[in-house]
Amino acid sequence: MAQVQLGYFTLDTVDIAKAKAFYGALFGWTFDADASKSTYAHVADTNPPFGFTKVERANSATNLYFRVDDIKATCARVSELGGKAAIPSETPTGLSCVVCDDQGFSFSLWQAAPGY
């Protein structure tokens, strides 16, 4: 059986415009206007592909890890943009921490250790 990999995912948000502004500023993401609508924003040029889906209230049951080169700088940027960041913890695989965007959606950052 072939290895299963993440092929697509969506992130819930209560405000599509705020999500686009926050994540665009944090990660430099751009959005595909042709594949987007008022309740969905498709993030352009990502692998795996994904987007944001509008929901009525914030809930984040899925824990997603976004790989970053400098976790401390990224945590600082999260705070600058109105989000919150925990203090990174170290494991054999690198540094990681949970952060929240400016709408209360939680996700994790991961700075990989060499070899990961």
Protein backbone atom coordinates (compact mmCIF):
# COMPACT_ATOMS: atom_id res chain seq x y z
CA MET A 1 0.00 0.00 0.00
CA ALA A 2 1.30 3.47 -0.91
CA GLN A 3 2.06 5.95 1.85
CA VAL A 4 -0.88 8.27 2.51
CA GLN A 5 0.04 11.96 2.58
CA LEU A 6 -1.95 15.07 3.28
CA GLY A 7 -3.50 15.98 -0.05
CA TYR A 8 -5.73 18.91 0.84
CA PHE A 9 -7.10 20.63 3.90
CA THR A 10 -9.19 23.59 4.90
CA LEU A 11 -8.91 25.91 7.86
CA ASP A 12 -12.08 27.22 9.49
CA THR A 13 -12.48 30.96 9.97
CA VAL A 14 -15.32 33.22 11.00
CA ASP A 15 -14.06 36.02 8.73
CA ILE A 16 -12.52 35.21 5.33
CA ALA A 17 -11.12 38.73 4.81
CA LYS A 18 -9.41 38.77 8.23
CA ALA A 19 -7.95 35.30 7.65
CA LYS A 20 -6.56 36.37 4.28
CA ALA A 21 -5.02 39.50 5.82
CA PHE A 22 -3.53 37.70 8.84
CA TYR A 23 -2.04 34.69 7.04
CA GLY A 24 -1.04 36.72 4.01
CA ALA A 25 0.97 39.01 6.30
CA LEU A 26 2.34 36.16 8.45
CA PHE A 27 3.35 33.64 5.78
CA GLY A 28 3.18 35.66 2.54
CA TRP A 29 0.31 33.55 1.22
CA THR A 30 -1.65 34.81 -1.75
CA PHE A 31 -5.15 33.77 -2.72
CA ASP A 32 -6.60 32.53 -6.01
CA ALA A 33 -9.57 34.80 -6.75
CA ASP A 34 -10.93 32.48 -9.46
CA ALA A 35 -11.11 29.51 -7.06
CA SER A 36 -12.49 31.57 -4.16
CA LYS A 37 -15.93 32.86 -3.17
CA SER A 38 -17.51 34.62 -0.19
CA THR A 39 -17.43 31.46 1.96
CA TYR A 40 -14.13 30.02 0.74
CA ALA A 41 -10.63 31.37 -0.02
CA HIS A 42 -8.19 29.15 -1.91
CA VAL A 43 -4.53 29.67 -1.02
CA ALA A 44 -2.49 29.92 -4.23
CA ASP A 45 0.60 27.89 -5.10
CA THR A 46 0.83 25.59 -2.07
CA ASN A 47 1.67 21.94 -1.74
CA PRO A 48 -0.51 20.36 -0.53
CA PRO A 49 -3.26 22.66 -1.72
CA PHE A 50 -5.67 24.14 0.84
CA GLY A 51 -8.01 26.97 1.64
CA PHE A 52 -10.12 28.70 4.28
CA THR A 53 -13.80 27.88 4.86
CA LYS A 54 -16.18 30.32 6.54
CA VAL A 55 -17.88 29.02 9.70
CA GLU A 56 -20.26 30.65 12.19
CA ARG A 57 -17.94 30.37 15.20
CA ALA A 58 -14.29 29.57 15.76
CA ASN A 59 -13.42 25.94 16.45
CA SER A 60 -10.13 24.20 15.84
CA ALA A 61 -10.26 20.46 16.37
CA THR A 62 -7.48 19.70 13.88
CA ASN A 63 -3.91 20.37 14.92
CA LEU A 64 -1.90 21.45 11.91
CA TYR A 65 1.84 21.99 12.01
CA PHE A 66 3.34 24.64 9.73
CA ARG A 67 7.07 24.20 9.21
CA VAL A 68 9.01 27.44 9.67
CA ASP A 69 12.71 28.32 9.50
CA ASP A 70 12.77 30.55 12.59
CA ILE A 71 10.12 29.73 15.19
CA LYS A 72 10.99 32.62 17.54
CA ALA A 73 10.71 35.19 14.75
CA THR A 74 7.45 33.63 13.54
CA CYS A 75 6.01 33.67 17.07
CA ALA A 76 6.92 37.35 17.33
CA ARG A 77 5.18 38.02 14.00
CA VAL A 78 2.06 36.19 15.23
CA SER A 79 1.94 38.55 18.22
CA GLU A 80 2.53 41.62 16.03
CA LEU A 81 -0.46 40.61 13.91
CA GLY A 82 -2.79 40.31 16.92
CA GLY A 83 -2.43 36.60 17.59
CA LYS A 84 -0.96 34.77 20.57
CA ALA A 85 2.01 32.41 20.76
CA ALA A 86 3.15 29.97 23.43
CA ILE A 87 6.80 29.57 24.33
CA PRO A 88 8.38 27.01 21.97
CA SER A 89 9.29 23.65 23.49
CA GLU A 90 12.12 21.40 22.32
CA THR A 91 11.87 17.74 21.35
CA PRO A 92 14.22 15.50 19.35
CA THR A 93 12.37 16.59 16.17
CA GLY A 94 12.91 20.31 16.81
CA LEU A 95 11.08 23.26 18.32
CA SER A 96 7.30 23.53 18.30
CA CYS A 97 4.57 25.61 19.86
CA VAL A 98 0.86 26.30 19.64
CA VAL A 99 -0.23 29.71 18.42
CA CYS A 100 -3.60 31.37 17.79
CA ASP A 101 -4.46 33.76 15.00
CA ASP A 102 -6.31 37.03 15.61
CA GLN A 103 -9.67 35.19 15.52
CA GLY A 104 -8.79 32.47 18.07
CA PHE A 105 -7.97 29.66 15.60
CA SER A 106 -5.18 27.46 17.01
CA PHE A 107 -2.43 25.87 14.97
CA SER A 108 1.17 24.85 15.60
CA LEU A 109 4.54 26.01 14.34
CA TRP A 110 7.45 23.62 13.93
CA GLN A 111 11.12 24.39 13.39
CA ALA A 112 12.59 21.06 12.39
CA ALA A 113 15.80 19.72 13.93
CA PRO A 114 18.55 18.75 11.47
CA GLY A 115 17.59 15.60 9.62
CA TYR A 116 13.83 16.17 9.82
